Each structure stands twice: as structure tokens, then as C-alpha cells.
Amino acid sequence: NWRTALADEMQWSRETFMKDKHYDPTTCCVWYHYYMALLSYNKPFVSNSIESRQVIENSIEDLYHILENWKLTFKTFEKCSLYMVYSAILAIQCMETGNIKMDYYRSFSEFLS
């Protein structure tokens, strides 16, 4: 797995999002890039592939936790990055296919508004 080959300070998991509420914008750029690639690659196959749906749903949940950590750290989204905006747009597009759980739709919509 590509993520496990990263330097220790760059590695992450959902557990680290839940445990460590600190948000490091520099490190998170790598994370957002990773999730944008996963969502972009799997989105065309969401209707036909259970694996793609699982990858997308897991990615959306991780992105939700990253956004929540940003909110806890900075209290506002005024200075968010383009990576954050684009990953939220991709997440919403995936959820709007009708094949992905809508659990985090409202959070991503509110972030973009």
C-alpha cells in the first residue's frame, strides 16, 4: 500500500483522525491528493463495482474526519485549500450517483456553501 511506504510523520489512518484532532495543512495536502485520486479513479465504476463503492465510502468518511479536524483547529473554513474544496466536490458528486451512502452529504454541502 502506498500509504504505508510514506515516512512515519506522513502516515495516517482513520484511527489517527479520531485520536489526533490537530490539523497540519502541509501534511493534509498529501492526504487530500490521495483521496482525490481515489475518488476520481473509482467514480466511473461506482455503479458496477462493489469494491469501488467501498473505496469511495471509506474515502468520504476519512475526508469528513479531516474536515472536522480543520474546523476544530481553525474554527472557520475561510482559509481552506483548493484541495479541500475539490475533494468535497468529488465526494458530493459520488454521493449524488445514488450508489453511495449519503451520511456525510450535509456536512460537505455546508462546507461548500
C-alpha atoms as a PDB file:
ATOM      1  CA  ASN A   1       0.000   0.000   0.000  1.00  0.00           C
ATOM      2  CA  TRP A   2       1.321   3.419  -0.988  1.00  0.00           C
ATOM      3  CA  ARG A   3       0.362   4.980   2.357  1.00  0.00           C
ATOM      4  CA  THR A   4       2.487   2.557   4.384  1.00  0.00           C
ATOM      5  CA  ALA A   5       5.576   3.452   2.344  1.00  0.00           C
ATOM      6  CA  LEU A   6       5.400   7.085   3.458  1.00  0.00           C
ATOM      7  CA  ALA A   7       7.597   8.491   6.205  1.00  0.00           C
ATOM      8  CA  ASP A   8       6.139   7.919   9.677  1.00  0.00           C
ATOM      9  CA  GLU A   9       5.058  11.541  10.127  1.00  0.00           C
ATOM     10  CA  MET A  10       3.108  11.413   6.839  1.00  0.00           C
ATOM     11  CA  GLN A  11       1.240   8.149   7.507  1.00  0.00           C
ATOM     12  CA  TRP A  12      -2.367   8.200   8.634  1.00  0.00           C
ATOM     13  CA  SER A  13      -5.430   6.093   9.292  1.00  0.00           C
ATOM     14  CA  ARG A  14      -8.991   6.748  10.346  1.00  0.00           C
ATOM     15  CA  GLU A  15      -7.889   5.982  13.888  1.00  0.00           C
ATOM     16  CA  THR A  16      -5.332   8.799  13.782  1.00  0.00           C
ATOM     17  CA  PHE A  17      -8.059  11.204  12.582  1.00  0.00           C
ATOM     18  CA  MET A  18     -10.230  10.201  15.517  1.00  0.00           C
ATOM     19  CA  LYS A  19      -7.440  10.270  18.102  1.00  0.00           C
ATOM     20  CA  ASP A  20      -5.378  13.279  16.998  1.00  0.00           C
ATOM     21  CA  LYS A  21      -7.637  16.267  16.400  1.00  0.00           C
ATOM     22  CA  HIS A  22      -4.755  18.533  15.316  1.00  0.00           C
ATOM     23  CA  TYR A  23      -4.745  19.592  11.677  1.00  0.00           C
ATOM     24  CA  ASP A  24      -1.450  20.117   9.856  1.00  0.00           C
ATOM     25  CA  PRO A  25      -2.223  21.774   6.479  1.00  0.00           C
ATOM     26  CA  THR A  26       1.092  20.712   4.946  1.00  0.00           C
ATOM     27  CA  THR A  27       0.660  17.027   5.743  1.00  0.00           C
ATOM     28  CA  CYS A  28      -3.008  17.112   4.822  1.00  0.00           C
ATOM     29  CA  CYS A  29      -2.214  18.237   1.267  1.00  0.00           C
ATOM     30  CA  VAL A  30      -0.743  14.776   0.692  1.00  0.00           C
ATOM     31  CA  TRP A  31      -3.863  13.215   2.189  1.00  0.00           C
ATOM     32  CA  TYR A  32      -6.237  15.279   0.046  1.00  0.00           C
ATOM     33  CA  HIS A  33      -4.267  14.469  -3.085  1.00  0.00           C
ATOM     34  CA  TYR A  34      -4.512  10.769  -2.243  1.00  0.00           C
ATOM     35  CA  TYR A  35      -8.287  10.915  -1.679  1.00  0.00           C
ATOM     36  CA  MET A  36      -8.874  12.974  -4.809  1.00  0.00           C
ATOM     37  CA  ALA A  37      -7.075  10.296  -6.818  1.00  0.00           C
ATOM     38  CA  LEU A  38      -9.117   7.507  -5.172  1.00  0.00           C
ATOM     39  CA  LEU A  39     -12.434   9.282  -5.742  1.00  0.00           C
ATOM     40  CA  SER A  40     -11.584  10.293  -9.311  1.00  0.00           C
ATOM     41  CA  TYR A  41     -10.414   6.827 -10.277  1.00  0.00           C
ATOM     42  CA  ASN A  42     -13.308   4.930  -8.683  1.00  0.00           C
ATOM     43  CA  LYS A  43     -16.187   7.289  -9.505  1.00  0.00           C
ATOM     44  CA  PRO A  44     -16.771   5.938 -13.053  1.00  0.00           C
ATOM     45  CA  PHE A  45     -17.134   2.400 -11.678  1.00  0.00           C
ATOM     46  CA  VAL A  46     -19.426   3.150  -8.750  1.00  0.00           C
ATOM     47  CA  SER A  47     -22.489   1.619 -10.441  1.00  0.00           C
ATOM     48  CA  ASN A  48     -20.828  -1.658 -11.346  1.00  0.00           C
ATOM     49  CA  SER A  49     -18.230  -2.330  -8.686  1.00  0.00           C
ATOM     50  CA  ILE A  50     -18.779  -3.092  -5.021  1.00  0.00           C
ATOM     51  CA  GLU A  51     -15.058  -2.512  -4.433  1.00  0.00           C
ATOM     52  CA  SER A  52     -15.247   0.979  -5.947  1.00  0.00           C
ATOM     53  CA  ARG A  53     -18.255   1.821  -3.781  1.00  0.00           C
ATOM     54  CA  GLN A  54     -16.399   0.664  -0.663  1.00  0.00           C
ATOM     55  CA  VAL A  55     -13.292   2.678  -1.569  1.00  0.00           C
ATOM     56  CA  ILE A  56     -15.427   5.767  -2.162  1.00  0.00           C
ATOM     57  CA  GLU A  57     -17.454   5.382   1.031  1.00  0.00           C
ATOM     58  CA  ASN A  58     -14.297   4.875   3.111  1.00  0.00           C
ATOM     59  CA  SER A  59     -12.624   7.850   1.439  1.00  0.00           C
ATOM     60  CA  ILE A  60     -15.637  10.081   2.056  1.00  0.00           C
ATOM     61  CA  GLU A  61     -15.706   9.115   5.714  1.00  0.00           C
ATOM     62  CA  ASP A  62     -11.987   9.872   6.072  1.00  0.00           C
ATOM     63  CA  LEU A  63     -12.422  13.217   4.319  1.00  0.00           C
ATOM     64  CA  TYR A  64     -15.279  14.056   6.660  1.00  0.00           C
ATOM     65  CA  HIS A  65     -12.999  13.491   9.663  1.00  0.00           C
ATOM     66  CA  ILE A  66     -10.239  15.603   8.119  1.00  0.00           C
ATOM     67  CA  LEU A  67     -12.706  18.477   7.584  1.00  0.00           C
ATOM     68  CA  GLU A  68     -13.961  18.147  11.151  1.00  0.00           C
ATOM     69  CA  ASN A  69     -10.374  18.354  12.431  1.00  0.00           C
ATOM     70  CA  TRP A  70      -9.854  21.513  10.355  1.00  0.00           C
ATOM     71  CA  LYS A  71     -12.962  23.001  11.935  1.00  0.00           C
ATOM     72  CA  LEU A  72     -11.725  22.143  15.438  1.00  0.00           C
ATOM     73  CA  THR A  73      -8.303  23.643  14.754  1.00  0.00           C
ATOM     74  CA  PHE A  74      -9.180  26.804  12.789  1.00  0.00           C
ATOM     75  CA  LYS A  75     -12.890  27.382  13.653  1.00  0.00           C
ATOM     76  CA  THR A  76     -13.650  28.587  10.099  1.00  0.00           C
ATOM     77  CA  PHE A  77     -13.157  27.488   6.505  1.00  0.00           C
ATOM     78  CA  GLU A  78     -12.173  30.967   5.284  1.00  0.00           C
ATOM     79  CA  LYS A  79      -8.600  29.913   4.509  1.00  0.00           C
ATOM     80  CA  CYS A  80      -9.194  26.382   3.312  1.00  0.00           C
ATOM     81  CA  SER A  81      -7.211  24.983   0.413  1.00  0.00           C
ATOM     82  CA  LEU A  82      -8.271  24.206  -3.123  1.00  0.00           C
ATOM     83  CA  TYR A  83      -7.599  20.544  -2.277  1.00  0.00           C
ATOM     84  CA  MET A  84     -10.290  20.703   0.393  1.00  0.00           C
ATOM     85  CA  VAL A  85     -12.803  22.275  -1.965  1.00  0.00           C
ATOM     86  CA  TYR A  86     -12.157  19.874  -4.823  1.00  0.00           C
ATOM     87  CA  SER A  87     -12.255  16.766  -2.622  1.00  0.00           C
ATOM     88  CA  ALA A  88     -15.592  17.936  -1.183  1.00  0.00           C
ATOM     89  CA  ILE A  89     -16.965  18.451  -4.708  1.00  0.00           C
ATOM     90  CA  LEU A  90     -15.826  14.952  -5.708  1.00  0.00           C
ATOM     91  CA  ALA A  91     -17.367  13.460  -2.570  1.00  0.00           C
ATOM     92  CA  ILE A  92     -20.709  15.127  -3.303  1.00  0.00           C
ATOM     93  CA  GLN A  93     -20.617  14.012  -6.935  1.00  0.00           C
ATOM     94  CA  CYS A  94     -20.021  10.440  -5.804  1.00  0.00           C
ATOM     95  CA  MET A  95     -22.856  10.575  -3.264  1.00  0.00           C
ATOM     96  CA  GLU A  96     -25.230  12.023  -5.874  1.00  0.00           C
ATOM     97  CA  THR A  97     -24.834   8.937  -8.067  1.00  0.00           C
ATOM     98  CA  GLY A  98     -27.331   7.232  -5.772  1.00  0.00           C
ATOM     99  CA  ASN A  99     -24.966   4.344  -5.117  1.00  0.00           C
ATOM    100  CA  ILE A 100     -23.063   5.854  -2.187  1.00  0.00           C
ATOM    101  CA  LYS A 101     -24.347   6.373   1.364  1.00  0.00           C
ATOM    102  CA  MET A 102     -25.432   9.970   1.988  1.00  0.00           C
ATOM    103  CA  ASP A 103     -24.292  10.040   5.645  1.00  0.00           C
ATOM    104  CA  TYR A 104     -21.935  12.994   5.155  1.00  0.00           C
ATOM    105  CA  TYR A 105     -23.702  14.825   2.324  1.00  0.00           C
ATOM    106  CA  ARG A 106     -24.963  17.643   4.522  1.00  0.00           C
ATOM    107  CA  SER A 107     -21.525  18.271   6.043  1.00  0.00           C
ATOM    108  CA  PHE A 108     -19.857  18.526   2.634  1.00  0.00           C
ATOM    109  CA  SER A 109     -22.659  20.731   1.282  1.00  0.00           C
ATOM    110  CA  GLU A 110     -22.400  23.084   4.258  1.00  0.00           C
ATOM    111  CA  PHE A 111     -18.633  23.234   3.830  1.00  0.00           C
ATOM    112  CA  LEU A 112     -19.033  24.330   0.208  1.00  0.00           C
ATOM    113  CA  SER A 113     -21.736  26.925   0.908  1.00  0.00           C
END
